[in-house]
Amino acid sequence: MDGVIQMNEIKIKLQFLIPSLPRAEKIVAEYMLSHAEQISDMTIAMLSEESKASEATISRFCKRLGYSSFVQLKQDFAKSEIEAEDEHNPKPVSANDSLVDIFDKVVQGILRSLNNTRTFFTKDYDRALEAIIGARAVYFFATGDSQANCLLASFKFNRVGIPTYVYTDVIFQYETAMRLTKEDVVIAISSSGRSINVVKAARLAHEKGAVTISITQTGNVPLTKCSDINIFISVVDTTIGRDSVAKRAAELAIIEMFYLGIIARGPLDYETMLQNTMMSSDMNK
């Protein structure tokens, strides 16, 4: 792997992979996660003895993480600065916090979530952008407050000439999904990856041949299983209701990335389109 990977990134990847790993490799991942500070000082034989996993299993797991060998993985552990998670994670808001303190914690949570999300970038992001640019139309499926992000995405995509639709009614989502073809793209957003309505709509669209793109926090969930391309976010949320704005911020960052990617890489004259959009907006002043 190129560059120096931070310890936090390694831990995020381990946490993300664990639910979907084979049992033997899950043992290795869980041991590495709970003994991160010791890995750089261990040989593969020592890790095998301590974790009770075979050396072959450890080697397979290292390759799954993108390393050619355990030695290469050790090097990244050694290079990384060991982070004290309690010091870096945003703390919950307390009654003694001033509004400035609360604002700082909100910003800290957003920044940490965006940095964590950056860990999951793959070539799938380019595949998703190509699909969006080449689509006859893009359809957003979501429920709850994710729909607000979908509406903003629709507004931005439409202004550069990509027909985009958002239906807040569940039945309309199902009916629309059943009319789609391989020329269409669906972007389904569910932080849990288990929202029944979103999963059903995405599955229907997938069965009809539409390119389905998911934006979610978890890998081994129903939504990812009916999606052609999976975009993952990682959110630090210390709120009681698990409704931090950090979740929406990570989704918005992905949407903005695609929007700017469309303008930068698309075959059309988006600059002219945007100028026309601004002119029409000025007419309303």
Protein backbone atom coordinates (compact mmCIF):
# COMPACT_ATOMS: atom_id res chain seq x y z
CA MET A 1 0.00 0.00 0.00
CA ASP A 2 1.30 3.47 -0.87
CA GLY A 3 2.04 6.13 1.70
CA VAL A 4 1.75 6.04 5.45
CA ILE A 5 -1.62 4.90 6.67
CA GLN A 6 -2.74 6.26 10.04
CA MET A 7 -3.60 3.90 12.86
CA ASN A 8 -7.13 5.25 12.93
CA GLU A 9 -7.58 4.24 9.28
CA ILE A 10 -6.39 0.69 9.98
CA LYS A 11 -8.80 0.40 12.89
CA ILE A 12 -11.70 1.72 10.82
CA LYS A 13 -11.02 -0.85 8.09
CA LEU A 14 -10.77 -3.65 10.65
CA GLN A 15 -14.06 -2.63 12.29
CA PHE A 16 -15.72 -2.36 8.90
CA LEU A 17 -14.55 -5.78 7.68
CA ILE A 18 -15.27 -7.83 10.80
CA PRO A 19 -19.03 -8.47 10.22
CA SER A 20 -18.44 -9.92 6.73
CA LEU A 21 -15.25 -11.92 7.35
CA PRO A 22 -14.97 -15.73 7.41
CA ARG A 23 -14.81 -16.99 11.00
CA ALA A 24 -11.06 -17.70 10.95
CA GLU A 25 -10.13 -14.28 9.55
CA LYS A 26 -12.55 -12.57 11.92
CA ILE A 27 -10.47 -13.92 14.80
CA VAL A 28 -7.35 -12.28 13.30
CA ALA A 29 -9.12 -8.96 12.75
CA GLU A 30 -10.56 -8.85 16.26
CA TYR A 31 -7.16 -9.65 17.77
CA MET A 32 -5.45 -6.93 15.72
CA LEU A 33 -8.12 -4.44 16.69
CA SER A 34 -7.79 -5.12 20.41
CA HIS A 35 -3.95 -5.40 20.36
CA ALA A 36 -3.09 -2.72 17.79
CA GLU A 37 -0.17 -1.37 19.82
CA GLN A 38 1.53 -4.80 19.84
CA ILE A 39 1.27 -5.84 16.18
CA SER A 40 4.40 -4.03 14.99
CA ASP A 41 6.52 -6.01 17.47
CA MET A 42 5.14 -9.43 16.55
CA THR A 43 6.20 -12.02 14.00
CA ILE A 44 3.57 -13.91 12.05
CA ALA A 45 4.35 -16.95 14.20
CA MET A 46 3.77 -14.95 17.39
CA LEU A 47 0.50 -13.54 16.05
CA SER A 48 -0.59 -17.03 15.08
CA GLU A 49 0.13 -18.35 18.56
CA GLU A 50 -1.52 -15.43 20.35
CA SER A 51 -4.63 -15.20 18.17
CA LYS A 52 -5.01 -18.99 17.70
CA ALA A 53 -5.26 -18.47 13.93
CA SER A 54 -3.05 -20.24 11.40
CA GLU A 55 -0.28 -18.40 9.58
CA ALA A 56 -2.08 -19.14 6.29
CA THR A 57 -5.21 -17.44 7.62
CA ILE A 58 -3.19 -14.39 8.69
CA SER A 59 -1.58 -14.16 5.25
CA ARG A 60 -4.97 -14.36 3.54
CA PHE A 61 -6.31 -11.64 5.79
CA CYS A 62 -3.34 -9.37 5.06
CA LYS A 63 -4.01 -9.74 1.33
CA ARG A 64 -7.68 -8.89 1.93
CA LEU A 65 -6.51 -5.62 3.51
CA GLY A 66 -4.40 -4.89 0.43
CA TYR A 67 -0.99 -5.94 1.74
CA SER A 68 1.33 -8.39 0.01
CA SER A 69 2.49 -9.87 3.31
CA PHE A 70 2.25 -9.62 7.09
CA VAL A 71 5.61 -7.84 7.10
CA GLN A 72 4.17 -5.04 4.98
CA LEU A 73 1.20 -4.74 7.31
CA LYS A 74 3.56 -4.57 10.29
CA GLN A 75 5.43 -1.71 8.64
CA ASP A 76 2.26 0.38 8.45
CA PHE A 77 1.46 -0.39 12.08
CA ALA A 78 4.99 0.66 13.01
CA LYS A 79 4.86 3.89 10.98
CA SER A 80 1.48 4.91 12.28
CA GLU A 81 1.09 7.14 15.26
CA ILE A 82 -0.86 5.26 17.89
CA GLU A 83 -3.96 7.31 18.55
CA ALA A 84 -5.73 7.43 21.87
CA GLU A 85 -9.32 7.22 20.61
CA ASP A 86 -10.79 8.79 23.75
CA GLU A 87 -8.68 11.88 23.16
CA HIS A 88 -9.56 12.28 19.49
CA ASN A 89 -13.21 11.29 19.34
CA PRO A 90 -15.68 14.12 19.93
CA LYS A 91 -17.13 14.09 23.43
CA PRO A 92 -20.88 14.15 24.08
CA VAL A 93 -22.39 17.54 24.81
CA SER A 94 -22.83 18.26 28.52
CA ALA A 95 -24.84 20.79 30.52
CA ASN A 96 -21.64 22.66 31.36
CA ASP A 97 -20.76 23.28 27.70
CA SER A 98 -21.03 26.79 26.32
CA LEU A 99 -22.49 27.25 22.85
CA VAL A 100 -18.95 27.69 21.55
CA ASP A 101 -18.00 24.35 23.15
CA ILE A 102 -21.01 22.69 21.52
CA PHE A 103 -20.15 24.20 18.14
CA ASP A 104 -16.56 22.95 18.45
CA LYS A 105 -17.81 19.43 19.22
CA VAL A 106 -20.15 19.51 16.23
CA VAL A 107 -17.30 20.57 13.95
CA GLN A 108 -14.98 17.96 15.46
CA GLY A 109 -17.53 15.22 14.81
CA ILE A 110 -18.02 16.33 11.20
CA LEU A 111 -14.28 16.54 10.49
CA ARG A 112 -13.59 13.15 12.06
CA SER A 113 -16.45 11.57 10.09
CA LEU A 114 -15.21 13.04 6.81
CA ASN A 115 -11.66 11.86 7.47
CA ASN A 116 -12.93 8.39 8.35
CA THR A 117 -15.05 8.29 5.20
CA ARG A 118 -11.98 9.14 3.14
CA THR A 119 -10.53 5.80 4.30
CA PHE A 120 -13.02 3.87 2.16
CA PHE A 121 -12.26 5.51 -1.20
CA THR A 122 -11.84 2.98 -4.04
CA LYS A 123 -12.10 2.89 -7.83
CA ASP A 124 -15.83 2.30 -7.33
CA TYR A 125 -16.20 6.06 -6.91
CA ASP A 126 -14.97 6.54 -10.49
CA ARG A 127 -17.33 3.80 -11.70
CA ALA A 128 -20.22 5.55 -9.96
CA LEU A 129 -19.34 8.91 -11.53
CA GLU A 130 -19.13 7.38 -15.01
CA ALA A 131 -22.53 5.75 -14.51
CA ILE A 132 -24.09 9.05 -13.38
CA ILE A 133 -22.62 11.00 -16.32
CA GLY A 134 -23.84 8.39 -18.80
CA ALA A 135 -27.31 7.92 -17.31
CA ARG A 136 -30.56 8.76 -19.06
CA ALA A 137 -31.78 9.86 -15.62
CA VAL A 138 -30.75 9.52 -11.96
CA TYR A 139 -33.24 8.53 -9.26
CA PHE A 140 -32.71 8.97 -5.51
CA PHE A 141 -34.30 6.58 -3.01
CA ALA A 142 -34.21 7.41 0.71
CA THR A 143 -36.36 7.86 3.78
CA GLY A 144 -36.29 10.26 6.74
CA ASP A 145 -33.85 13.14 6.83
CA SER A 146 -31.68 11.61 4.07
CA GLN A 147 -34.37 12.81 1.69
CA ALA A 148 -33.26 16.39 2.30
CA ASN A 149 -29.84 15.51 0.91
CA CYS A 150 -31.50 13.80 -2.06
CA LEU A 151 -33.49 16.94 -2.84
CA LEU A 152 -30.32 19.04 -2.77
CA ALA A 153 -28.54 16.54 -5.01
CA SER A 154 -31.45 16.62 -7.45
CA PHE A 155 -31.31 20.41 -7.56
CA LYS A 156 -27.56 20.43 -8.25
CA PHE A 157 -27.56 17.60 -10.82
CA ASN A 158 -30.51 19.07 -12.71
CA ARG A 159 -28.86 22.47 -13.03
CA VAL A 160 -26.03 20.88 -15.07
CA GLY A 161 -28.42 19.00 -17.33
CA ILE A 162 -28.66 15.57 -15.68
CA PRO A 163 -32.35 14.67 -15.23
CA THR A 164 -32.75 13.72 -11.57
CA TYR A 165 -35.81 12.66 -9.60
CA VAL A 166 -36.64 12.30 -5.91
CA TYR A 167 -39.85 10.68 -4.69
CA THR A 168 -40.65 10.94 -1.00
CA ASP A 169 -43.66 8.66 -1.29
CA VAL A 170 -42.75 4.99 -0.82
CA ILE A 171 -45.28 3.72 -3.36
CA PHE A 172 -43.93 6.13 -5.98
CA GLN A 173 -40.45 4.81 -5.28
CA TYR A 174 -41.60 1.24 -5.93
CA GLU A 175 -43.56 2.17 -9.06
CA THR A 176 -40.65 4.17 -10.42
CA ALA A 177 -38.15 1.40 -9.71
CA MET A 178 -40.24 -1.07 -11.72
CA ARG A 179 -40.14 1.21 -14.79
CA LEU A 180 -36.37 1.70 -14.89
CA THR A 181 -33.96 0.24 -17.43
CA LYS A 182 -30.22 -0.30 -17.83
CA GLU A 183 -29.97 3.32 -19.02
CA ASP A 184 -30.97 4.62 -15.59
CA VAL A 185 -29.05 5.04 -12.34
CA VAL A 186 -30.42 4.73 -8.81
CA ILE A 187 -28.66 6.22 -5.79
CA ALA A 188 -30.05 4.66 -2.62
CA ILE A 189 -29.14 6.24 0.72
CA SER A 190 -29.54 4.41 4.03
CA SER A 191 -27.03 4.89 6.84
CA SER A 192 -27.92 1.49 8.34
CA GLY A 193 -28.25 -0.25 4.99
CA ARG A 194 -31.39 -1.91 6.34
CA SER A 195 -34.17 0.63 5.65
CA ILE A 196 -36.85 -1.72 4.32
CA ASN A 197 -38.41 0.72 1.84
CA VAL A 198 -35.06 1.82 0.42
CA VAL A 199 -33.82 -1.77 0.10
CA LYS A 200 -37.02 -2.90 -1.66
CA ALA A 201 -36.92 -0.01 -4.12
CA ALA A 202 -33.22 -0.56 -4.85
CA ARG A 203 -33.78 -4.30 -5.33
CA LEU A 204 -36.63 -3.69 -7.79
CA ALA A 205 -34.48 -1.24 -9.76
CA HIS A 206 -31.56 -3.66 -9.75
CA GLU A 207 -33.79 -6.47 -11.08
CA LYS A 208 -34.91 -4.17 -13.91
CA GLY A 209 -31.29 -3.60 -14.91
CA ALA A 210 -30.71 -0.09 -13.58
CA VAL A 211 -27.26 0.68 -12.17
CA THR A 212 -27.77 0.83 -8.41
CA ILE A 213 -25.41 2.83 -6.19
CA SER A 214 -25.71 2.64 -2.41
CA ILE A 215 -24.45 5.14 0.18
CA THR A 216 -24.32 3.48 3.58
CA GLN A 217 -22.23 2.95 6.72
CA THR A 218 -22.16 -0.84 6.77
CA GLY A 219 -20.88 -3.43 4.31
CA ASN A 220 -22.62 -6.73 4.99
CA VAL A 221 -26.23 -5.47 4.87
CA PRO A 222 -29.24 -5.98 2.55
CA LEU A 223 -28.75 -2.70 0.64
CA THR A 224 -25.21 -3.55 -0.48
CA LYS A 225 -26.33 -6.96 -1.68
CA CYS A 226 -28.70 -5.45 -4.26
CA SER A 227 -26.33 -2.65 -5.34
CA ASP A 228 -23.87 -2.68 -8.21
CA ILE A 229 -21.63 -0.05 -6.60
CA ASN A 230 -21.29 0.59 -2.87
CA ILE A 231 -20.14 3.93 -1.46
CA PHE A 232 -19.33 3.72 2.25
CA ILE A 233 -19.31 6.45 4.88
CA SER A 234 -17.99 6.22 8.44
CA VAL A 235 -19.68 8.49 10.99
CA VAL A 236 -18.61 9.45 14.49
CA ASP A 237 -21.89 10.02 16.33
CA THR A 238 -21.99 10.49 20.11
CA THR A 239 -25.52 11.89 20.25
CA ILE A 240 -28.25 10.10 22.23
CA GLY A 241 -30.52 9.66 19.22
CA ARG A 242 -27.70 8.82 16.81
CA ASP A 243 -28.92 11.71 14.67
CA SER A 244 -25.73 13.76 14.40
CA VAL A 245 -25.39 16.20 11.54
CA ALA A 246 -22.08 14.43 10.83
CA LYS A 247 -24.05 11.67 9.12
CA ARG A 248 -25.72 14.11 6.75
CA ALA A 249 -22.42 15.96 6.24
CA ALA A 250 -20.70 12.77 5.05
CA GLU A 251 -23.53 12.07 2.60
CA LEU A 252 -23.45 15.67 1.36
CA ALA A 253 -19.69 15.48 0.84
CA ILE A 254 -20.16 12.41 -1.39
CA ILE A 255 -22.92 14.15 -3.34
CA GLU A 256 -20.83 17.32 -3.76
CA MET A 257 -17.88 15.19 -4.91
CA PHE A 258 -20.02 13.65 -7.65
CA TYR A 259 -21.47 17.04 -8.63
CA LEU A 260 -18.03 18.60 -9.05
CA GLY A 261 -16.83 15.43 -10.78
CA ILE A 262 -19.66 15.76 -13.31
CA ILE A 263 -18.62 19.34 -14.07
CA ALA A 264 -14.91 18.44 -14.31
CA ARG A 265 -15.20 15.24 -16.35
CA GLY A 266 -18.55 15.40 -18.12
CA PRO A 267 -18.70 15.71 -21.93
CA LEU A 268 -21.06 18.69 -21.89
CA ASP A 269 -20.38 22.42 -21.53
CA TYR A 270 -21.35 22.62 -17.87
CA GLU A 271 -19.80 26.05 -17.44
CA THR A 272 -22.31 27.48 -19.96
CA MET A 273 -25.14 25.60 -18.28
CA LEU A 274 -24.21 27.05 -14.89
CA GLN A 275 -23.94 30.55 -16.34
CA ASN A 276 -27.44 30.18 -17.80
CA THR A 277 -28.69 28.94 -14.45
CA MET A 278 -27.24 31.97 -12.71
CA MET A 279 -28.83 34.28 -15.32
CA SER A 280 -32.24 32.71 -14.75
CA SER A 281 -31.77 33.09 -10.99
CA ASP A 282 -30.87 36.77 -11.40
CA MET A 283 -34.10 37.34 -13.36
CA ASN A 284 -36.03 36.45 -10.21
CA LYS A 285 -34.37 39.19 -8.15
